């Protein structure tokens, strides 16, 4: 049974775990369990739809990294759908956006079960994907 705040569906043959508005210490274990369940069902490629997620703390990041390690060891990947600039920025600051294929929509993420790993999405407002420095006032 899916954890509260999460759901799983299959799209184009891929399991898609939909995350809630906030992924944090109170519910990250639910994410871990669903990702484990999908992997144990033999799915090397997983999609985590964070399209509605506006906040993700370190416990959520930790569970995604663990799933990434399991998937790559099995020859697969964890694809992320992220639309919130705050979540994109967090991933860029921490540097884990380089390890995950990140998509702007679920349709793009599930377009092909054998799609190559996509590069990271640049952080809005910068050409290279780097986080722009905070302006200093004088």
Protein backbone atom coordinates (compact mmCIF):
# COMPACT_ATOMS: atom_id res chain seq x y z
CA UNK A 1 0.00 0.00 0.00
CA UNK A 2 1.45 3.41 -0.94
CA UNK A 3 2.64 5.65 1.87
CA UNK A 4 0.55 8.68 2.72
CA UNK A 5 1.41 11.49 0.30
CA UNK A 6 2.89 9.20 -2.34
CA UNK A 7 1.34 7.16 -5.10
CA UNK A 8 2.67 4.80 -7.75
CA UNK A 9 1.39 4.31 -11.27
CA UNK A 10 2.83 2.81 -14.43
CA UNK A 11 3.32 5.05 -17.46
CA UNK A 12 4.85 3.69 -20.68
CA UNK A 13 6.02 0.63 -18.76
CA UNK A 14 7.84 2.67 -16.12
CA UNK A 15 6.90 2.94 -12.46
CA UNK A 16 6.20 6.56 -11.55
CA UNK A 17 6.29 7.54 -7.89
CA UNK A 18 4.41 10.81 -7.37
CA UNK A 19 5.75 12.89 -4.51
CA UNK A 20 3.74 15.29 -2.34
CA UNK A 21 4.24 19.05 -2.01
CA UNK A 22 6.84 18.52 0.73
CA UNK A 23 9.35 15.69 1.00
CA UNK A 24 10.90 15.79 4.44
CA UNK A 25 11.80 13.79 7.52
CA UNK A 26 8.13 13.16 8.26
CA UNK A 27 7.50 11.26 5.01
CA UNK A 28 10.86 10.40 3.36
CA UNK A 29 10.63 6.84 4.66
CA UNK A 30 7.51 6.40 2.52
CA UNK A 31 9.52 7.47 -0.53
CA UNK A 32 12.28 5.03 0.41
CA UNK A 33 9.84 2.15 0.74
CA UNK A 34 8.09 2.79 -2.58
CA UNK A 35 11.40 3.12 -4.44
CA UNK A 36 12.59 -0.13 -2.84
CA UNK A 37 9.34 -1.87 -3.79
CA UNK A 38 9.72 -0.76 -7.42
CA UNK A 39 13.34 -1.96 -7.53
CA UNK A 40 12.41 -5.29 -5.94
CA UNK A 41 9.73 -5.70 -8.61
CA UNK A 42 12.56 -5.69 -11.15
CA UNK A 43 12.36 -2.11 -12.39
CA UNK A 44 15.82 -0.70 -13.06
CA UNK A 45 14.43 2.57 -14.44
CA UNK A 46 12.27 4.55 -12.03
CA UNK A 47 10.61 7.94 -12.33
CA UNK A 48 9.99 10.21 -9.36
CA UNK A 49 7.45 12.86 -10.26
CA UNK A 50 8.24 15.87 -8.08
CA UNK A 51 6.21 18.18 -10.29
CA UNK A 52 4.05 19.17 -7.32
CA UNK A 53 6.95 19.25 -4.85
CA UNK A 54 7.95 22.69 -3.59
CA UNK A 55 10.24 21.54 -0.75
CA UNK A 56 12.66 18.67 -0.27
CA UNK A 57 14.95 18.34 2.73
CA UNK A 58 18.14 16.31 3.20
CA UNK A 59 16.26 13.14 4.16
CA UNK A 60 14.40 13.23 0.85
CA UNK A 61 17.65 13.86 -1.02
CA UNK A 62 19.24 10.94 0.81
CA UNK A 63 16.49 8.55 -0.27
CA UNK A 64 16.80 9.68 -3.89
CA UNK A 65 20.58 9.17 -3.83
CA UNK A 66 20.15 5.69 -2.35
CA UNK A 67 17.65 4.82 -5.10
CA UNK A 68 20.07 6.22 -7.70
CA UNK A 69 22.86 3.97 -6.42
CA UNK A 70 20.61 0.89 -6.52
CA UNK A 71 19.34 1.71 -10.01
CA UNK A 72 22.75 2.36 -11.53
CA UNK A 73 24.10 -0.84 -9.98
CA UNK A 74 21.27 -2.65 -11.82
CA UNK A 75 22.04 -0.85 -15.09
CA UNK A 76 19.17 1.60 -14.74
CA UNK A 77 18.49 5.11 -13.56
CA UNK A 78 16.19 7.26 -11.47
CA UNK A 79 14.56 10.01 -13.54
CA UNK A 80 13.24 13.07 -11.79
CA UNK A 81 10.47 15.42 -12.83
CA UNK A 82 11.10 18.76 -11.14
CA UNK A 83 9.34 22.00 -11.90
CA UNK A 84 9.79 24.13 -8.78
CA UNK A 85 12.74 26.54 -9.01
CA UNK A 86 13.38 26.08 -5.28
CA UNK A 87 13.82 22.33 -5.66
CA UNK A 88 15.94 22.75 -8.81
CA UNK A 89 18.13 25.22 -6.94
CA UNK A 90 18.56 22.86 -3.98
CA UNK A 91 19.66 20.06 -6.30
CA UNK A 92 22.12 22.43 -8.03
CA UNK A 93 23.55 23.74 -4.75
CA UNK A 94 24.07 20.24 -3.38
CA UNK A 95 25.45 19.10 -6.74
CA UNK A 96 23.32 16.01 -7.16
CA UNK A 97 21.59 17.37 -10.24
CA UNK A 98 24.59 15.99 -12.18
CA UNK A 99 23.70 12.42 -11.21
CA UNK A 100 20.03 12.39 -12.14
CA UNK A 101 18.32 12.92 -15.44
CA UNK A 102 15.96 15.81 -14.65
CA UNK A 103 12.91 16.51 -16.80
CA UNK A 104 10.44 19.40 -16.92
CA UNK A 105 7.42 17.14 -17.44
CA UNK A 106 6.27 13.60 -16.83
CA UNK A 107 5.67 13.14 -20.56
CA UNK A 108 9.36 13.85 -21.24
CA UNK A 109 10.52 11.54 -18.44
CA UNK A 110 8.55 8.55 -19.71
CA UNK A 111 8.94 9.24 -23.44
CA UNK A 112 11.08 6.16 -23.92
CA UNK A 113 11.97 3.41 -21.45
CA UNK A 114 15.40 3.21 -23.06
CA UNK A 115 16.03 6.95 -23.41
CA UNK A 116 19.61 7.99 -22.72
CA UNK A 117 20.39 9.80 -19.51
CA UNK A 118 19.56 13.47 -19.94
CA UNK A 119 21.83 16.21 -18.75
CA UNK A 120 20.89 18.40 -15.83
CA UNK A 121 18.44 21.22 -16.41
CA UNK A 122 20.20 24.57 -16.01
CA UNK A 123 19.04 26.63 -13.08
CA UNK A 124 16.70 29.37 -14.35
CA UNK A 125 18.49 32.66 -14.87
CA UNK A 126 21.94 31.25 -15.59
CA UNK A 127 23.45 30.01 -18.81
CA UNK A 128 25.64 27.28 -17.34
CA UNK A 129 23.36 25.87 -14.69
CA UNK A 130 25.49 27.37 -11.94
CA UNK A 131 23.76 29.12 -9.11
CA UNK A 132 23.97 32.87 -9.54
CA UNK A 133 25.72 34.64 -6.70
CA UNK A 134 23.60 36.60 -4.29
CA UNK A 135 23.75 40.33 -4.96
CA UNK A 136 25.57 42.34 -2.36
CA UNK A 137 24.30 45.70 -1.32
CA UNK A 138 26.32 48.83 -0.59
